[in-house]
Amino acid sequence: MMAADQAANGAMTLAPRVSLFPAIVNVEVLRGRCPCRCVHCPVGLVSPSARRHHFGFQTMEFSLFQRIADEIAEHPSTVLRIHSTGEPLLWRHLPQAATYLREQAVRSWLFTCGVTTDKDLLRSIMEDLDIVEVSIDAVNAGDYRATKGVNAFDRVKRNLDYMACCS
């Protein structure tokens, strides 16, 4: 979009209109639950038994997610990024939310650890989301276990292979 501005000499010039709406909106859909114990994550640094006390176990209602997505849809250059203080793959509304984002033409981005056995969920996010970022932080199973605190390197590799076939 261009906005008309008047120069000092009275001539009209066109200048790009700057949007004050954020380029990326991070939406926390789930809090306090994750299968990993990452050394770089506030959730991972707390033992699973103490996470409820530190973070609470909260999930976003789908109706609130829809209202957020609807507002973002009015700003086509904005990306809605699903990134939680916990693992968003555990949010029960994720497949429905991914479909809703696609239907509303909202640019979407999911940040996940990729630890799941649910192939239908993986297929859904690959079909409906624009970007799926999987946090691995390792080149082998030993590094993965040291960084992520769980033995899921091979599972995540299989999930990445599966998702590559879905895209």
Foldseek 3Di string as FASTA:
>chain_A
DWDWDADPVRDIDTDDDDDPDDQEAEDAFWAQEAPWLFPVAPSNVDPSVCSCVVINTDGDDVVVLLVVLVVQLVPLSHEYEYDHSYFPLPHPCQLVSLQSNQVSNHAYEYEGQQDDPDLVSLLSNLVRHDYYHHDQCDDDQVRSCVRTVDRCNVVSVVSVVSSVVSD
